[in-house]
Every structure is written in structure tokens, then in C-alpha cells.
Amino acid sequence: MKKRSVMIAGHPTSVSLEEEFWEALKGVAQTRGLSVNALIEDIDRTRAGNLSSAIRVHVLNALLNRA
């Protein structure tokens, strides 16, 4: 697991994600025509808990909806 710095609403924060989730997140962002930071900001606006967990759930749902 690796910590990465991202900007949310102009403020730096860090998220810890496994490399597989980070790569899948980049793919979801690209499919939607967004930067990774923009997608994370979208996820952050609707999350109920931990940001890293919310990102994992978002990636999982995106992949399940594609199948």
C-alpha cells in the first residue's frame, strides 16, 4: 500500500491505496474524461466514511457496472 498526495478543494491530503486500486481509479477517471484529482473530489463530496475506503468502493462499483 502506498500513500499518495491529492488535492481536494484546494487542500492537500493523502490517501493510502493498493497499487491495483490506484491503477483502476486512473482507468475510471480516464473513462469519464476526468483527472484523478477531479474524480477523487467527486467521491469526497458523497462519501460517508474514510476517503480511501470510499475510493475503493467507488472503483469496485464502477467495475461491477461495466461487467
N, C-alpha and C. Protein backbone atom coordinates (compact mmCIF):
# COMPACT_ATOMS: atom_id res chain seq x y z
N MET A 1 0.86 -1.17 0.00
CA MET A 1 0.00 0.00 0.00
C MET A 1 0.91 1.23 0.00
N LYS A 2 0.47 2.22 -0.76
CA LYS A 2 1.28 3.42 -0.90
C LYS A 2 0.42 4.65 -0.63
N LYS A 3 1.00 5.61 0.10
CA LYS A 3 0.30 6.89 0.32
C LYS A 3 0.59 7.81 -0.84
N ARG A 4 -0.47 8.46 -1.32
CA ARG A 4 -0.32 9.44 -2.39
C ARG A 4 -0.97 10.75 -1.96
N SER A 5 -0.36 11.84 -2.38
CA SER A 5 -0.92 13.16 -2.08
C SER A 5 -1.87 13.56 -3.20
N VAL A 6 -3.02 14.08 -2.82
CA VAL A 6 -4.01 14.59 -3.77
C VAL A 6 -4.53 15.92 -3.25
N MET A 7 -5.11 16.69 -4.15
CA MET A 7 -5.71 17.97 -3.77
C MET A 7 -7.23 17.81 -3.78
N ILE A 8 -7.87 18.21 -2.70
CA ILE A 8 -9.32 18.20 -2.60
C ILE A 8 -9.74 19.60 -2.20
N ALA A 9 -10.50 20.24 -3.07
CA ALA A 9 -10.96 21.61 -2.84
C ALA A 9 -9.80 22.53 -2.50
N GLY A 10 -8.68 22.34 -3.19
CA GLY A 10 -7.52 23.19 -3.00
C GLY A 10 -6.67 22.87 -1.78
N HIS A 11 -7.01 21.80 -1.07
CA HIS A 11 -6.25 21.42 0.12
C HIS A 11 -5.58 20.07 -0.09
N PRO A 12 -4.30 19.97 0.21
CA PRO A 12 -3.62 18.68 0.05
C PRO A 12 -4.06 17.69 1.13
N THR A 13 -4.22 16.46 0.72
CA THR A 13 -4.50 15.37 1.66
C THR A 13 -3.83 14.13 1.10
N SER A 14 -3.75 13.09 1.88
CA SER A 14 -3.14 11.86 1.38
C SER A 14 -4.13 10.72 1.51
N VAL A 15 -4.02 9.80 0.57
CA VAL A 15 -4.83 8.59 0.59
C VAL A 15 -3.91 7.39 0.46
N SER A 16 -4.25 6.34 1.15
CA SER A 16 -3.50 5.09 1.07
C SER A 16 -4.31 4.09 0.28
N LEU A 17 -3.77 3.67 -0.85
CA LEU A 17 -4.45 2.70 -1.71
C LEU A 17 -3.45 1.67 -2.21
N GLU A 18 -3.93 0.46 -2.36
CA GLU A 18 -3.14 -0.57 -3.01
C GLU A 18 -2.93 -0.16 -4.47
N GLU A 19 -1.83 -0.60 -5.04
CA GLU A 19 -1.49 -0.23 -6.43
C GLU A 19 -2.60 -0.63 -7.40
N GLU A 20 -3.22 -1.78 -7.18
CA GLU A 20 -4.29 -2.24 -8.07
C GLU A 20 -5.48 -1.28 -8.06
N PHE A 21 -5.84 -0.77 -6.88
CA PHE A 21 -6.94 0.18 -6.81
C PHE A 21 -6.55 1.52 -7.44
N TRP A 22 -5.30 1.93 -7.25
CA TRP A 22 -4.85 3.19 -7.84
C TRP A 22 -4.92 3.11 -9.36
N GLU A 23 -4.45 2.01 -9.93
CA GLU A 23 -4.49 1.82 -11.39
C GLU A 23 -5.93 1.78 -11.90
N ALA A 24 -6.80 1.08 -11.16
CA ALA A 24 -8.21 1.03 -11.57
C ALA A 24 -8.85 2.41 -11.46
N LEU A 25 -8.50 3.18 -10.44
CA LEU A 25 -9.02 4.53 -10.27
C LEU A 25 -8.61 5.40 -11.45
N LYS A 26 -7.37 5.29 -11.88
CA LYS A 26 -6.91 6.05 -13.04
C LYS A 26 -7.71 5.66 -14.28
N GLY A 27 -8.03 4.38 -14.44
CA GLY A 27 -8.83 3.93 -15.57
C GLY A 27 -10.24 4.48 -15.53
N VAL A 28 -10.85 4.49 -14.36
CA VAL A 28 -12.21 5.04 -14.20
C VAL A 28 -12.20 6.53 -14.54
N ALA A 29 -11.21 7.25 -14.03
CA ALA A 29 -11.10 8.69 -14.31
C ALA A 29 -10.95 8.93 -15.81
N GLN A 30 -10.10 8.16 -16.46
CA GLN A 30 -9.88 8.32 -17.90
C GLN A 30 -11.15 8.04 -18.67
N THR A 31 -11.87 6.99 -18.32
CA THR A 31 -13.12 6.65 -18.98
C THR A 31 -14.14 7.78 -18.88
N ARG A 32 -14.13 8.47 -17.76
CA ARG A 32 -15.08 9.56 -17.52
C ARG A 32 -14.57 10.91 -17.99
N GLY A 33 -13.35 10.93 -18.52
CA GLY A 33 -12.79 12.19 -19.01
C GLY A 33 -12.42 13.15 -17.90
N LEU A 34 -12.02 12.60 -16.74
CA LEU A 34 -11.66 13.40 -15.58
C LEU A 34 -10.22 13.15 -15.19
N SER A 35 -9.64 14.10 -14.49
CA SER A 35 -8.35 13.84 -13.85
C SER A 35 -8.61 12.98 -12.61
N VAL A 36 -7.58 12.33 -12.12
CA VAL A 36 -7.73 11.53 -10.91
C VAL A 36 -8.17 12.43 -9.75
N ASN A 37 -7.57 13.61 -9.64
CA ASN A 37 -7.95 14.54 -8.56
C ASN A 37 -9.42 14.94 -8.67
N ALA A 38 -9.91 15.20 -9.88
CA ALA A 38 -11.32 15.58 -10.05
C ALA A 38 -12.24 14.44 -9.65
N LEU A 39 -11.88 13.22 -10.00
CA LEU A 39 -12.70 12.07 -9.61
C LEU A 39 -12.69 11.90 -8.09
N ILE A 40 -11.52 12.05 -7.47
CA ILE A 40 -11.44 11.94 -6.01
C ILE A 40 -12.27 13.03 -5.35
N GLU A 41 -12.28 14.24 -5.90
CA GLU A 41 -13.13 15.30 -5.36
C GLU A 41 -14.60 14.92 -5.44
N ASP A 42 -15.02 14.31 -6.55
CA ASP A 42 -16.41 13.85 -6.69
C ASP A 42 -16.73 12.80 -5.63
N ILE A 43 -15.82 11.85 -5.45
CA ILE A 43 -16.02 10.79 -4.46
C ILE A 43 -16.10 11.41 -3.06
N ASP A 44 -15.23 12.37 -2.79
CA ASP A 44 -15.18 13.01 -1.48
C ASP A 44 -16.49 13.71 -1.14
N ARG A 45 -17.12 14.31 -2.13
CA ARG A 45 -18.37 15.05 -1.90
C ARG A 45 -19.51 14.14 -1.43
N THR A 46 -19.47 12.88 -1.80
CA THR A 46 -20.59 11.99 -1.48
C THR A 46 -20.25 10.91 -0.46
N ARG A 47 -19.04 10.91 0.02
CA ARG A 47 -18.63 9.82 0.92
C ARG A 47 -19.24 9.98 2.31
N ALA A 48 -19.37 8.83 2.99
CA ALA A 48 -19.90 8.83 4.35
C ALA A 48 -18.80 8.52 5.36
N GLY A 49 -17.73 7.86 4.92
CA GLY A 49 -16.67 7.45 5.85
C GLY A 49 -15.30 7.84 5.36
N ASN A 50 -14.37 6.96 5.59
CA ASN A 50 -12.97 7.13 5.22
C ASN A 50 -12.80 7.31 3.72
N LEU A 51 -11.97 8.26 3.31
CA LEU A 51 -11.79 8.55 1.89
C LEU A 51 -11.20 7.37 1.13
N SER A 52 -10.19 6.73 1.68
CA SER A 52 -9.58 5.58 0.99
C SER A 52 -10.60 4.47 0.77
N SER A 53 -11.41 4.21 1.77
CA SER A 53 -12.46 3.19 1.64
C SER A 53 -13.50 3.60 0.61
N ALA A 54 -13.87 4.88 0.61
CA ALA A 54 -14.85 5.37 -0.36
C ALA A 54 -14.31 5.23 -1.79
N ILE A 55 -13.03 5.47 -1.97
CA ILE A 55 -12.42 5.30 -3.30
C ILE A 55 -12.47 3.85 -3.72
N ARG A 56 -12.14 2.94 -2.82
CA ARG A 56 -12.18 1.51 -3.15
C ARG A 56 -13.59 1.08 -3.55
N VAL A 57 -14.59 1.50 -2.79
CA VAL A 57 -15.98 1.14 -3.09
C VAL A 57 -16.40 1.74 -4.43
N HIS A 58 -16.00 2.97 -4.70
CA HIS A 58 -16.33 3.61 -5.97
C HIS A 58 -15.73 2.83 -7.14
N VAL A 59 -14.47 2.46 -7.00
CA VAL A 59 -13.79 1.68 -8.06
C VAL A 59 -14.49 0.34 -8.25
N LEU A 60 -14.80 -0.33 -7.17
CA LEU A 60 -15.49 -1.62 -7.25
C LEU A 60 -16.82 -1.48 -7.97
N ASN A 61 -17.60 -0.48 -7.58
CA ASN A 61 -18.91 -0.27 -8.23
C ASN A 61 -18.76 0.06 -9.70
N ALA A 62 -17.76 0.87 -10.04
CA ALA A 62 -17.53 1.21 -11.46
C ALA A 62 -17.20 -0.05 -12.26
N LEU A 63 -16.37 -0.91 -11.70
CA LEU A 63 -16.00 -2.14 -12.41
C LEU A 63 -17.19 -3.12 -12.49
N LEU A 64 -17.98 -3.20 -11.44
CA LEU A 64 -19.16 -4.08 -11.48
C LEU A 64 -20.18 -3.58 -12.48
N ASN A 65 -20.35 -2.27 -12.58
CA ASN A 65 -21.31 -1.70 -13.53
C ASN A 65 -20.86 -1.89 -14.97
N ARG A 66 -19.56 -2.01 -15.18
CA ARG A 66 -19.02 -2.24 -16.52
C ARG A 66 -19.26 -3.67 -16.99
N ALA A 67 -19.31 -4.59 -16.03
CA ALA A 67 -19.44 -6.03 -16.36
C ALA A 67 -20.85 -6.39 -16.82
